[in-house]
């Protein structure tokens, strides 16, 4: 009999222990970490920042030359009839003509009113803007998770307070009923106590519903299964060492939203420089090395080959464009 009693006690303890393990105790640090790992907005902002980093290069800004290779092979078969200057006639059926050209060419913009350097600086500022936007997305998500988490802590404490209130209300109903039984109180006192108990139980049900809904919201913010149940910490620890002047300095120097506004201002200034560059001439150079071969069934030259360098310089300047330059500068300002 005693052995069976110990078996029951051990089984009950084991079941209680397993139920306790099944309920996850979620800390605010773990909630923030899970949200940062799973949130798709953060992943998208991270990928966009990588794109901005890849874009920062002298070639993308137009500073470096471009080199290209070309090849063309043109062939034809024709029935030809020629009358030469000496009066002789030449006719040929199925005459073959072939023209083969291939080579490499280099194009380089030497000066464009410093537009290319403004482009390069704009690419750098765009990268900085991406970093500030990523930081802003992270801070926003961390703030949302922490607000929801600490709201759950508050609601959990409210549930505990309501539970104590219901116990007191039940005791008031019992006391009023006992007083009514012995004739020390009226039926109205019993009914009032019962109304108070019903009100407290209604508040408890509403609080439980709100608590459950906020659990779903926190799971959603962490981008995990909405049905996962958990418990939160029972207390909120506040940093007592915060100083308002220090926080104001940090907001001014490190707030990503303010940083993004300053970077956007810098980007706008660089865009104005790019527009102003159109007032200056554009100077470019070209060079290349070409190979060619031509074959013809008719004519004084039946075949020819050539190869060699070609090079040159050029410049262009916008003299008048219908006052668009002035209008674009005003819009940029």
C-alpha atoms as a PDB file:
ATOM      1  CA  UNK A   1       0.000   0.000   0.000  1.00  0.00           C
ATOM      2  CA  UNK A   2       2.855   2.326   0.902  1.00  0.00           C
ATOM      3  CA  UNK A   3       4.710   1.404  -2.329  1.00  0.00           C
ATOM      4  CA  UNK A   4       1.630   2.238  -4.384  1.00  0.00           C
ATOM      5  CA  UNK A   5       1.345   5.582  -2.581  1.00  0.00           C
ATOM      6  CA  UNK A   6       4.953   6.460  -3.477  1.00  0.00           C
ATOM      7  CA  UNK A   7       4.328   5.436  -7.100  1.00  0.00           C
ATOM      8  CA  UNK A   8       1.350   7.803  -7.262  1.00  0.00           C
ATOM      9  CA  UNK A   9       3.362  10.627  -5.712  1.00  0.00           C
ATOM     10  CA  UNK A  10       6.302  10.064  -8.062  1.00  0.00           C
ATOM     11  CA  UNK A  11       3.999   9.929 -11.104  1.00  0.00           C
ATOM     12  CA  UNK A  12       2.269  13.158 -10.082  1.00  0.00           C
ATOM     13  CA  UNK A  13       5.631  14.922  -9.561  1.00  0.00           C
ATOM     14  CA  UNK A  14       6.931  13.663 -12.902  1.00  0.00           C
ATOM     15  CA  UNK A  15       3.810  14.892 -14.720  1.00  0.00           C
ATOM     16  CA  UNK A  16       4.008  18.275 -13.011  1.00  0.00           C
ATOM     17  CA  UNK A  17       7.691  18.593 -13.941  1.00  0.00           C
ATOM     18  CA  UNK A  18       7.010  17.806 -17.603  1.00  0.00           C
ATOM     19  CA  UNK A  19       4.177  20.339 -17.736  1.00  0.00           C
ATOM     20  CA  UNK A  20       6.514  22.932 -16.277  1.00  0.00           C
ATOM     21  CA  UNK A  21       9.123  22.192 -18.960  1.00  0.00           C
ATOM     22  CA  UNK A  22       6.524  22.413 -21.734  1.00  0.00           C
ATOM     23  CA  UNK A  23       5.794  26.031 -20.829  1.00  0.00           C
ATOM     24  CA  UNK A  24       8.554  28.167 -22.305  1.00  0.00           C
ATOM     25  CA  UNK A  25       9.768  31.087 -20.185  1.00  0.00           C
ATOM     26  CA  UNK A  26      10.625  33.704 -22.794  1.00  0.00           C
ATOM     27  CA  UNK A  27      13.067  36.446 -21.841  1.00  0.00           C
ATOM     28  CA  UNK A  28      13.061  39.846 -23.528  1.00  0.00           C
ATOM     29  CA  UNK A  29      16.604  39.221 -24.829  1.00  0.00           C
ATOM     30  CA  UNK A  30      15.525  35.960 -26.461  1.00  0.00           C
ATOM     31  CA  UNK A  31      12.437  37.596 -27.958  1.00  0.00           C
ATOM     32  CA  UNK A  32      14.539  40.374 -29.516  1.00  0.00           C
ATOM     33  CA  UNK A  33      17.114  37.900 -30.835  1.00  0.00           C
ATOM     34  CA  UNK A  34      14.432  35.710 -32.423  1.00  0.00           C
ATOM     35  CA  UNK A  35      12.801  38.733 -34.073  1.00  0.00           C
ATOM     36  CA  UNK A  36      16.123  39.937 -35.496  1.00  0.00           C
ATOM     37  CA  UNK A  37      16.887  36.481 -36.908  1.00  0.00           C
ATOM     38  CA  UNK A  38      13.484  35.867 -38.511  1.00  0.00           C
ATOM     39  CA  UNK A  39      12.144  39.282 -39.530  1.00  0.00           C
ATOM     40  CA  UNK A  40      11.839  39.672 -43.315  1.00  0.00           C
ATOM     41  CA  UNK A  41      11.978  43.472 -43.271  1.00  0.00           C
ATOM     42  CA  UNK A  42      15.428  43.259 -41.710  1.00  0.00           C
ATOM     43  CA  UNK A  43      16.497  40.681 -44.299  1.00  0.00           C
ATOM     44  CA  UNK A  44      15.287  42.891 -47.140  1.00  0.00           C
ATOM     45  CA  UNK A  45      17.051  45.952 -45.713  1.00  0.00           C
ATOM     46  CA  UNK A  46      20.238  43.881 -45.330  1.00  0.00           C
ATOM     47  CA  UNK A  47      20.078  42.754 -48.957  1.00  0.00           C
ATOM     48  CA  UNK A  48      19.445  46.308 -50.141  1.00  0.00           C
ATOM     49  CA  UNK A  49      22.506  47.449 -48.182  1.00  0.00           C
ATOM     50  CA  UNK A  50      24.597  44.757 -49.904  1.00  0.00           C
ATOM     51  CA  UNK A  51      23.401  46.069 -53.273  1.00  0.00           C
ATOM     52  CA  UNK A  52      24.448  49.587 -52.264  1.00  0.00           C
ATOM     53  CA  UNK A  53      27.869  48.270 -51.223  1.00  0.00           C
ATOM     54  CA  UNK A  54      28.370  46.513 -54.561  1.00  0.00           C
ATOM     55  CA  UNK A  55      27.398  49.715 -56.382  1.00  0.00           C
ATOM     56  CA  UNK A  56      30.218  51.769 -54.861  1.00  0.00           C
ATOM     57  CA  UNK A  57      32.923  51.489 -57.532  1.00  0.00           C
ATOM     58  CA  UNK A  58      34.759  53.920 -59.845  1.00  0.00           C
ATOM     59  CA  UNK A  59      33.500  51.990 -62.864  1.00  0.00           C
ATOM     60  CA  UNK A  60      29.864  52.382 -61.847  1.00  0.00           C
ATOM     61  CA  UNK A  61      30.469  56.111 -61.411  1.00  0.00           C
ATOM     62  CA  UNK A  62      31.887  56.439 -64.933  1.00  0.00           C
ATOM     63  CA  UNK A  63      35.469  57.237 -63.911  1.00  0.00           C
ATOM     64  CA  UNK A  64      37.102  54.234 -65.608  1.00  0.00           C
ATOM     65  CA  UNK A  65      37.296  53.604 -69.363  1.00  0.00           C
ATOM     66  CA  UNK A  66      35.275  50.971 -71.180  1.00  0.00           C
ATOM     67  CA  UNK A  67      36.899  48.384 -73.450  1.00  0.00           C
ATOM     68  CA  UNK A  68      34.931  46.348 -75.934  1.00  0.00           C
ATOM     69  CA  UNK A  69      35.650  43.773 -78.615  1.00  0.00           C
ATOM     70  CA  UNK A  70      33.786  43.570 -81.921  1.00  0.00           C
ATOM     71  CA  UNK A  71      33.739  41.198 -84.849  1.00  0.00           C
ATOM     72  CA  UNK A  72      31.719  41.236 -88.046  1.00  0.00           C
ATOM     73  CA  UNK A  73      31.746  38.849 -90.982  1.00  0.00           C
ATOM     74  CA  UNK A  74      29.663  39.853 -94.034  1.00  0.00           C
ATOM     75  CA  UNK A  75      29.329  37.602 -97.085  1.00  0.00           C
ATOM     76  CA  UNK A  76      27.367  37.874-100.316  1.00  0.00           C
ATOM     77  CA  UNK A  77      26.823  35.992-103.598  1.00  0.00           C
ATOM     78  CA  UNK A  78      25.679  38.084-106.564  1.00  0.00           C
ATOM     79  CA  UNK A  79      25.332  38.028-110.320  1.00  0.00           C
ATOM     80  CA  UNK A  80      27.307  41.089-111.469  1.00  0.00           C
ATOM     81  CA  UNK A  81      27.667  43.006-114.709  1.00  0.00           C
ATOM     82  CA  UNK A  82      30.259  45.783-114.915  1.00  0.00           C
ATOM     83  CA  UNK A  83      31.113  48.327-117.623  1.00  0.00           C
ATOM     84  CA  UNK A  84      34.567  49.706-117.046  1.00  0.00           C
ATOM     85  CA  UNK A  85      35.918  53.111-118.049  1.00  0.00           C
ATOM     86  CA  UNK A  86      37.801  51.614-120.999  1.00  0.00           C
ATOM     87  CA  UNK A  87      34.510  50.319-122.467  1.00  0.00           C
ATOM     88  CA  UNK A  88      35.007  46.655-121.631  1.00  0.00           C
ATOM     89  CA  UNK A  89      32.196  44.647-120.065  1.00  0.00           C
ATOM     90  CA  UNK A  90      32.671  42.054-117.349  1.00  0.00           C
ATOM     91  CA  UNK A  91      29.967  39.698-116.244  1.00  0.00           C
ATOM     92  CA  UNK A  92      30.164  37.148-113.465  1.00  0.00           C
ATOM     93  CA  UNK A  93      27.524  34.786-112.061  1.00  0.00           C
ATOM     94  CA  UNK A  94      27.613  33.772-108.415  1.00  0.00           C
ATOM     95  CA  UNK A  95      30.335  36.262-107.541  1.00  0.00           C
ATOM     96  CA  UNK A  96      31.481  35.976-103.945  1.00  0.00           C
ATOM     97  CA  UNK A  97      32.242  38.944-101.684  1.00  0.00           C
ATOM     98  CA  UNK A  98      33.554  38.686 -98.137  1.00  0.00           C
ATOM     99  CA  UNK A  99      34.283  41.380 -95.561  1.00  0.00           C
ATOM    100  CA  UNK A 100      35.764  40.394 -92.171  1.00  0.00           C
ATOM    101  CA  UNK A 101      36.525  42.943 -89.428  1.00  0.00           C
ATOM    102  CA  UNK A 102      37.478  42.436 -85.796  1.00  0.00           C
ATOM    103  CA  UNK A 103      39.270  44.376 -83.078  1.00  0.00           C
ATOM    104  CA  UNK A 104      39.185  46.005 -79.658  1.00  0.00           C
ATOM    105  CA  UNK A 105      38.272  49.595 -78.795  1.00  0.00           C
ATOM    106  CA  UNK A 106      38.671  51.792 -75.719  1.00  0.00           C
ATOM    107  CA  UNK A 107      36.414  54.741 -74.850  1.00  0.00           C
ATOM    108  CA  UNK A 108      37.277  57.029 -71.954  1.00  0.00           C
ATOM    109  CA  UNK A 109      35.589  60.182 -70.736  1.00  0.00           C
ATOM    110  CA  UNK A 110      38.412  62.422 -69.573  1.00  0.00           C
ATOM    111  CA  UNK A 111      36.350  65.350 -68.320  1.00  0.00           C
ATOM    112  CA  UNK A 112      32.614  65.854 -67.849  1.00  0.00           C
ATOM    113  CA  UNK A 113      32.419  68.825 -65.537  1.00  0.00           C
ATOM    114  CA  UNK A 114      33.347  66.623 -62.537  1.00  0.00           C
ATOM    115  CA  UNK A 115      30.026  64.775 -62.848  1.00  0.00           C
ATOM    116  CA  UNK A 116      31.710  61.377 -62.519  1.00  0.00           C
ATOM    117  CA  UNK A 117      33.296  62.299 -59.181  1.00  0.00           C
ATOM    118  CA  UNK A 118      29.953  63.585 -57.878  1.00  0.00           C
ATOM    119  CA  UNK A 119      28.444  60.254 -58.970  1.00  0.00           C
ATOM    120  CA  UNK A 120      31.086  58.375 -56.995  1.00  0.00           C
ATOM    121  CA  UNK A 121      30.425  60.420 -53.855  1.00  0.00           C
ATOM    122  CA  UNK A 122      26.685  59.891 -54.292  1.00  0.00           C
ATOM    123  CA  UNK A 123      27.195  56.120 -54.398  1.00  0.00           C
ATOM    124  CA  UNK A 124      29.109  56.331 -51.112  1.00  0.00           C
ATOM    125  CA  UNK A 125      26.374  58.413 -49.517  1.00  0.00           C
ATOM    126  CA  UNK A 126      23.742  55.972 -50.776  1.00  0.00           C
ATOM    127  CA  UNK A 127      25.614  53.194 -48.996  1.00  0.00           C
ATOM    128  CA  UNK A 128      25.631  55.247 -45.794  1.00  0.00           C
ATOM    129  CA  UNK A 129      21.910  55.853 -46.255  1.00  0.00           C
ATOM    130  CA  UNK A 130      21.343  52.096 -46.549  1.00  0.00           C
ATOM    131  CA  UNK A 131      23.230  51.552 -43.289  1.00  0.00           C
ATOM    132  CA  UNK A 132      21.089  54.157 -41.518  1.00  0.00           C
ATOM    133  CA  UNK A 133      17.878  52.664 -42.929  1.00  0.00           C
ATOM    134  CA  UNK A 134      18.905  49.161 -41.829  1.00  0.00           C
ATOM    135  CA  UNK A 135      19.639  50.473 -38.343  1.00  0.00           C
ATOM    136  CA  UNK A 136      16.255  52.209 -38.307  1.00  0.00           C
ATOM    137  CA  UNK A 137      14.444  48.998 -39.307  1.00  0.00           C
ATOM    138  CA  UNK A 138      16.274  47.060 -36.590  1.00  0.00           C
ATOM    139  CA  UNK A 139      15.554  49.638 -33.887  1.00  0.00           C
ATOM    140  CA  UNK A 140      11.898  49.854 -34.919  1.00  0.00           C
ATOM    141  CA  UNK A 141      11.460  46.097 -34.738  1.00  0.00           C
ATOM    142  CA  UNK A 142      13.322  45.871 -31.419  1.00  0.00           C
ATOM    143  CA  UNK A 143      11.095  48.622 -30.024  1.00  0.00           C
ATOM    144  CA  UNK A 144       7.927  46.859 -31.166  1.00  0.00           C
ATOM    145  CA  UNK A 145       9.019  43.558 -29.603  1.00  0.00           C
ATOM    146  CA  UNK A 146      10.044  45.141 -26.305  1.00  0.00           C
ATOM    147  CA  UNK A 147       6.824  47.173 -26.026  1.00  0.00           C
ATOM    148  CA  UNK A 148       4.710  44.065 -26.626  1.00  0.00           C
ATOM    149  CA  UNK A 149       6.828  41.988 -24.237  1.00  0.00           C
ATOM    150  CA  UNK A 150       6.642  44.450 -21.347  1.00  0.00           C
ATOM    151  CA  UNK A 151       2.936  44.916 -22.000  1.00  0.00           C
ATOM    152  CA  UNK A 152       2.593  41.165 -21.509  1.00  0.00           C
ATOM    153  CA  UNK A 153       4.506  41.428 -18.227  1.00  0.00           C
ATOM    154  CA  UNK A 154       2.067  44.128 -17.106  1.00  0.00           C
ATOM    155  CA  UNK A 155      -0.951  42.086 -18.166  1.00  0.00           C
ATOM    156  CA  UNK A 156       0.434  39.039 -16.378  1.00  0.00           C
ATOM    157  CA  UNK A 157       0.660  41.073 -13.176  1.00  0.00           C
ATOM    158  CA  UNK A 158      -2.884  42.335 -13.740  1.00  0.00           C
ATOM    159  CA  UNK A 159      -4.072  38.733 -14.056  1.00  0.00           C
ATOM    160  CA  UNK A 160      -2.431  37.942 -10.734  1.00  0.00           C
ATOM    161  CA  UNK A 161      -4.047  40.997  -9.140  1.00  0.00           C
ATOM    162  CA  UNK A 162      -7.479  40.093 -10.556  1.00  0.00           C
ATOM    163  CA  UNK A 163      -7.081  36.551  -9.257  1.00  0.00           C
ATOM    164  CA  UNK A 164      -6.559  37.921  -5.749  1.00  0.00           C
ATOM    165  CA  UNK A 165      -9.514  40.278  -6.232  1.00  0.00           C
ATOM    166  CA  UNK A 166     -11.776  37.373  -7.198  1.00  0.00           C
ATOM    167  CA  UNK A 167     -10.745  35.440  -4.084  1.00  0.00           C
ATOM    168  CA  UNK A 168     -11.627  38.448  -1.934  1.00  0.00           C
ATOM    169  CA  UNK A 169     -14.956  38.873  -3.771  1.00  0.00           C
ATOM    170  CA  UNK A 170     -15.776  35.207  -3.195  1.00  0.00           C
ATOM    171  CA  UNK A 171     -15.058  35.602   0.491  1.00  0.00           C
ATOM    172  CA  UNK A 172     -17.328  38.686   0.573  1.00  0.00           C
ATOM    173  CA  UNK A 173     -20.145  36.661  -1.012  1.00  0.00           C
ATOM    174  CA  UNK A 174     -19.691  33.879   1.563  1.00  0.00           C
ATOM    175  CA  UNK A 175     -19.584  36.399   4.394  1.00  0.00           C
ATOM    176  CA  UNK A 176     -22.705  38.172   3.140  1.00  0.00           C
ATOM    177  CA  UNK A 177     -24.499  34.858   2.730  1.00  0.00           C
ATOM    178  CA  UNK A 178     -23.572  33.828   6.265  1.00  0.00           C
ATOM    179  CA  UNK A 179     -24.710  37.192   7.638  1.00  0.00           C
ATOM    180  CA  UNK A 180     -27.994  36.836   5.742  1.00  0.00           C
ATOM    181  CA  UNK A 181     -28.472  33.298   7.105  1.00  0.00           C
ATOM    182  CA  UNK A 182     -28.144  34.410  10.714  1.00  0.00           C
ATOM    183  CA  UNK A 183     -30.234  37.506  10.078  1.00  0.00           C
ATOM    184  CA  UNK A 184     -27.453  40.063  10.384  1.00  0.00           C
ATOM    185  CA  UNK A 185     -27.743  41.339   6.763  1.00  0.00           C
ATOM    186  CA  UNK A 186     -30.352  41.787   4.083  1.00  0.00           C
ATOM    187  CA  UNK A 187     -30.634  39.936   0.788  1.00  0.00           C
ATOM    188  CA  UNK A 188     -29.520  43.142  -0.953  1.00  0.00           C
ATOM    189  CA  UNK A 189     -26.059  42.883   0.610  1.00  0.00           C
ATOM    190  CA  UNK A 190     -25.718  39.343  -0.754  1.00  0.00           C
ATOM    191  CA  UNK A 191     -26.791  40.433  -4.229  1.00  0.00           C
ATOM    192  CA  UNK A 192     -24.380  43.371  -4.236  1.00  0.00           C
ATOM    193  CA  UNK A 193     -21.511  41.097  -3.266  1.00  0.00           C
ATOM    194  CA  UNK A 194     -22.526  38.663  -6.022  1.00  0.00           C
ATOM    195  CA  UNK A 195     -22.617  41.509  -8.584  1.00  0.00           C
ATOM    196  CA  UNK A 196     -19.109  42.566  -7.570  1.00  0.00           C
ATOM    197  CA  UNK A 197     -17.917  38.968  -7.964  1.00  0.00           C
ATOM    198  CA  UNK A 198     -19.496  38.701 -11.424  1.00  0.00           C
ATOM    199  CA  UNK A 199     -17.853  41.986 -12.434  1.00  0.00           C
ATOM    200  CA  UNK A 200     -14.429  40.774 -11.291  1.00  0.00           C
ATOM    201  CA  UNK A 201     -14.864  37.469 -13.142  1.00  0.00           C
ATOM    202  CA  UNK A 202     -15.838  39.372 -16.319  1.00  0.00           C
ATOM    203  CA  UNK A 203     -12.727  41.541 -16.017  1.00  0.00           C
ATOM    204  CA  UNK A 204     -10.665  38.377 -15.558  1.00  0.00           C
ATOM    205  CA  UNK A 205     -12.031  36.827 -18.756  1.00  0.00           C
ATOM    206  CA  UNK A 206     -11.365  40.023 -20.722  1.00  0.00           C
ATOM    207  CA  UNK A 207      -7.842  40.238 -19.300  1.00  0.00           C
ATOM    208  CA  UNK A 208      -7.147  36.611 -20.230  1.00  0.00           C
ATOM    209  CA  UNK A 209      -8.358  37.282 -23.775  1.00  0.00           C
ATOM    210  CA  UNK A 210      -6.157  40.374 -24.078  1.00  0.00           C
ATOM    211  CA  UNK A 211      -3.207  38.443 -22.664  1.00  0.00           C
ATOM    212  CA  UNK A 212      -3.684  35.644 -25.199  1.00  0.00           C
ATOM    213  CA  UNK A 213      -4.044  38.089 -28.109  1.00  0.00           C
ATOM    214  CA  UNK A 214      -0.814  39.857 -27.178  1.00  0.00           C
ATOM    215  CA  UNK A 215       0.957  36.507 -27.051  1.00  0.00           C
ATOM    216  CA  UNK A 216      -0.139  35.928 -30.629  1.00  0.00           C
ATOM    217  CA  UNK A 217       1.076  39.429 -31.533  1.00  0.00           C
ATOM    218  CA  UNK A 218       4.506  38.804 -30.005  1.00  0.00           C
ATOM    219  CA  UNK A 219       4.812  35.497 -31.871  1.00  0.00           C
ATOM    220  CA  UNK A 220       3.921  37.351 -35.062  1.00  0.00           C
ATOM    221  CA  UNK A 221       6.575  39.998 -34.408  1.00  0.00           C
ATOM    222  CA  UNK A 222       9.125  37.236 -33.850  1.00  0.00           C
ATOM    223  CA  UNK A 223       7.992  35.594 -37.136  1.00  0.00           C
ATOM    224  CA  UNK A 224       7.347  32.195 -35.581  1.00  0.00           C
ATOM    225  CA  UNK A 225       4.358  29.869 -35.133  1.00  0.00           C
ATOM    226  CA  UNK A 226       1.471  31.871 -33.664  1.00  0.00           C
ATOM    227  CA  UNK A 227       0.301  28.884 -31.589  1.00  0.00           C
ATOM    228  CA  UNK A 228       3.507  28.608 -29.542  1.00  0.00           C
ATOM    229  CA  UNK A 229       2.652  29.193 -25.882  1.00  0.00           C
ATOM    230  CA  UNK A 230       5.082  30.780 -23.438  1.00  0.00           C
ATOM    231  CA  UNK A 231       5.385  32.718 -20.224  1.00  0.00           C
ATOM    232  CA  UNK A 232       7.127  36.048 -19.729  1.00  0.00           C
ATOM    233  CA  UNK A 233       9.229  37.322 -16.860  1.00  0.00           C
ATOM    234  CA  UNK A 234       7.387  38.341 -13.728  1.00  0.00           C
ATOM    235  CA  UNK A 235       9.220  41.657 -13.254  1.00  0.00           C
ATOM    236  CA  UNK A 236      10.485  44.594 -15.283  1.00  0.00           C
ATOM    237  CA  UNK A 237      13.965  45.822 -14.432  1.00  0.00           C
ATOM    238  CA  UNK A 238      14.538  49.513 -15.155  1.00  0.00           C
ATOM    239  CA  UNK A 239      17.990  50.995 -15.703  1.00  0.00           C
ATOM    240  CA  UNK A 240      18.310  53.604 -12.968  1.00  0.00           C
ATOM    241  CA  UNK A 241      21.509  55.051 -14.434  1.00  0.00           C
ATOM    242  CA  UNK A 242      19.899  56.781 -17.428  1.00  0.00           C
ATOM    243  CA  UNK A 243      20.696  60.468 -17.776  1.00  0.00           C
ATOM    244  CA  UNK A 244      18.542  62.810 -19.859  1.00  0.00           C
ATOM    245  CA  UNK A 245      21.413  65.041 -21.094  1.00  0.00           C
ATOM    246  CA  UNK A 246      23.390  61.984 -22.226  1.00  0.00           C
ATOM    247  CA  UNK A 247      20.331  60.563 -23.988  1.00  0.00           C
ATOM    248  CA  UNK A 248      19.774  63.861 -25.813  1.00  0.00           C
ATOM    249  CA  UNK A 249      23.382  63.800 -27.057  1.00  0.00           C
ATOM    250  CA  UNK A 250      22.994  60.191 -28.212  1.00  0.00           C
ATOM    251  CA  UNK A 251      19.784  61.025 -30.062  1.00  0.00           C
ATOM    252  CA  UNK A 252      21.483  63.905 -31.865  1.00  0.00           C
ATOM    253  CA  UNK A 253      24.597  61.946 -32.837  1.00  0.00           C
ATOM    254  CA  UNK A 254      23.349  58.385 -33.380  1.00  0.00           C
ATOM    255  CA  UNK A 255      19.655  58.485 -34.205  1.00  0.00           C
ATOM    256  CA  UNK A 256      19.385  56.726 -37.600  1.00  0.00           C
ATOM    257  CA  UNK A 257      16.389  58.775 -38.706  1.00  0.00           C
ATOM    258  CA  UNK A 258      18.285  62.041 -38.202  1.00  0.00           C
ATOM    259  CA  UNK A 259      21.331  60.529 -39.901  1.00  0.00           C
ATOM    260  CA  UNK A 260      19.204  59.511 -42.887  1.00  0.00           C
ATOM    261  CA  UNK A 261      17.878  63.064 -43.239  1.00  0.00           C
ATOM    262  CA  UNK A 262      21.408  64.504 -43.207  1.00  0.00           C
ATOM    263  CA  UNK A 263      22.565  61.939 -45.769  1.00  0.00           C
ATOM    264  CA  UNK A 264      19.591  62.729 -48.022  1.00  0.00           C
ATOM    265  CA  UNK A 265      20.554  66.402 -47.852  1.00  0.00           C
ATOM    266  CA  UNK A 266      24.109  65.521 -48.910  1.00  0.00           C
ATOM    267  CA  UNK A 267      22.800  63.372 -51.781  1.00  0.00           C
ATOM    268  CA  UNK A 268      20.639  66.276 -52.971  1.00  0.00           C
ATOM    269  CA  UNK A 269      23.695  68.558 -52.963  1.00  0.00           C
ATOM    270  CA  UNK A 270      25.618  66.017 -55.060  1.00  0.00           C
ATOM    271  CA  UNK A 271      22.713  65.764 -57.502  1.00  0.00           C
ATOM    272  CA  UNK A 272      22.884  69.551 -57.916  1.00  0.00           C
ATOM    273  CA  UNK A 273      26.607  69.250 -58.713  1.00  0.00           C
ATOM    274  CA  UNK A 274      25.837  66.639 -61.370  1.00  0.00           C
ATOM    275  CA  UNK A 275      23.295  68.938 -63.005  1.00  0.00           C
ATOM    276  CA  UNK A 276      25.700  71.888 -62.941  1.00  0.00           C
ATOM    277  CA  UNK A 277      28.311  69.740 -64.698  1.00  0.00           C
ATOM    278  CA  UNK A 278      26.276  70.031 -67.923  1.00  0.00           C
ATOM    279  CA  UNK A 279      27.496  73.632 -68.232  1.00  0.00           C
ATOM    280  CA  UNK A 280      31.026  72.383 -68.925  1.00  0.00           C
ATOM    281  CA  UNK A 281      32.329  70.571 -72.004  1.00  0.00           C
ATOM    282  CA  UNK A 282      32.703  66.818 -72.131  1.00  0.00           C
ATOM    283  CA  UNK A 283      36.088  65.612 -73.396  1.00  0.00           C
ATOM    284  CA  UNK A 284      36.598  61.995 -74.407  1.00  0.00           C
ATOM    285  CA  UNK A 285      39.263  59.841 -76.029  1.00  0.00           C
ATOM    286  CA  UNK A 286      38.969  56.731 -78.171  1.00  0.00           C
ATOM    287  CA  UNK A 287      41.508  54.230 -79.363  1.00  0.00           C
ATOM    288  CA  UNK A 288      41.584  50.704 -80.676  1.00  0.00           C
ATOM    289  CA  UNK A 289      43.329  48.077 -82.759  1.00  0.00           C
ATOM    290  CA  UNK A 290      41.508  46.591 -85.749  1.00  0.00           C
ATOM    291  CA  UNK A 291      42.027  43.713 -88.148  1.00  0.00           C
ATOM    292  CA  UNK A 292      40.248  43.363 -91.476  1.00  0.00           C
ATOM    293  CA  UNK A 293      40.139  41.277 -94.641  1.00  0.00           C
ATOM    294  CA  UNK A 294      38.156  41.885 -97.820  1.00  0.00           C
ATOM    295  CA  UNK A 295      37.728  39.505-100.762  1.00  0.00           C
ATOM    296  CA  UNK A 296      35.882  40.238-104.005  1.00  0.00           C
ATOM    297  CA  UNK A 297      35.456  38.231-107.185  1.00  0.00           C
ATOM    298  CA  UNK A 298      35.257  41.366-109.341  1.00  0.00           C
ATOM    299  CA  UNK A 299      37.178  44.599-109.353  1.00  0.00           C
ATOM    300  CA  UNK A 300      40.745  45.707-109.650  1.00  0.00           C
ATOM    301  CA  UNK A 301      41.495  44.405-106.118  1.00  0.00           C
ATOM    302  CA  UNK A 302      40.387  40.872-105.405  1.00  0.00           C
ATOM    303  CA  UNK A 303      41.562  40.794-101.768  1.00  0.00           C
ATOM    304  CA  UNK A 304      43.012  43.106 -99.158  1.00  0.00           C
ATOM    305  CA  UNK A 305      44.146  42.846 -95.548  1.00  0.00           C
ATOM    306  CA  UNK A 306      44.662  45.598 -93.021  1.00  0.00           C
ATOM    307  CA  UNK A 307      45.462  46.017 -89.354  1.00  0.00           C
ATOM    308  CA  UNK A 308      46.538  48.873 -87.143  1.00  0.00           C
ATOM    309  CA  UNK A 309      45.771  51.420 -84.478  1.00  0.00           C
ATOM    310  CA  UNK A 310      43.153  54.120 -84.553  1.00  0.00           C
ATOM    311  CA  UNK A 311      42.834  56.881 -81.986  1.00  0.00           C
ATOM    312  CA  UNK A 312      41.214  60.236 -81.519  1.00  0.00           C
ATOM    313  CA  UNK A 313      39.834  62.874 -79.185  1.00  0.00           C
ATOM    314  CA  UNK A 314      36.521  64.635 -79.084  1.00  0.00           C
ATOM    315  CA  UNK A 315      34.586  67.228 -77.151  1.00  0.00           C
ATOM    316  CA  UNK A 316      30.967  68.317 -76.863  1.00  0.00           C
ATOM    317  CA  UNK A 317      29.365  71.349 -75.264  1.00  0.00           C
ATOM    318  CA  UNK A 318      25.720  72.200 -74.788  1.00  0.00           C
ATOM    319  CA  UNK A 319      25.279  75.775 -76.051  1.00  0.00           C
ATOM    320  CA  UNK A 320      21.501  76.132 -75.830  1.00  0.00           C
ATOM    321  CA  UNK A 321      18.843  73.647 -74.701  1.00  0.00           C
ATOM    322  CA  UNK A 322      15.744  75.792 -74.360  1.00  0.00           C
ATOM    323  CA  UNK A 323      16.695  77.026 -70.860  1.00  0.00           C
ATOM    324  CA  UNK A 324      16.350  73.475 -69.491  1.00  0.00           C
ATOM    325  CA  UNK A 325      19.694  73.776 -67.713  1.00  0.00           C
ATOM    326  CA  UNK A 326      18.540  76.761 -65.654  1.00  0.00           C
ATOM    327  CA  UNK A 327      15.231  75.043 -64.873  1.00  0.00           C
ATOM    328  CA  UNK A 328      16.928  71.819 -63.762  1.00  0.00           C
ATOM    329  CA  UNK A 329      19.290  73.693 -61.454  1.00  0.00           C
ATOM    330  CA  UNK A 330      16.427  75.595 -59.847  1.00  0.00           C
ATOM    331  CA  UNK A 331      14.519  72.339 -59.251  1.00  0.00           C
ATOM    332  CA  UNK A 332      17.603  70.711 -57.750  1.00  0.00           C
ATOM    333  CA  UNK A 333      18.116  73.653 -55.387  1.00  0.00           C
END
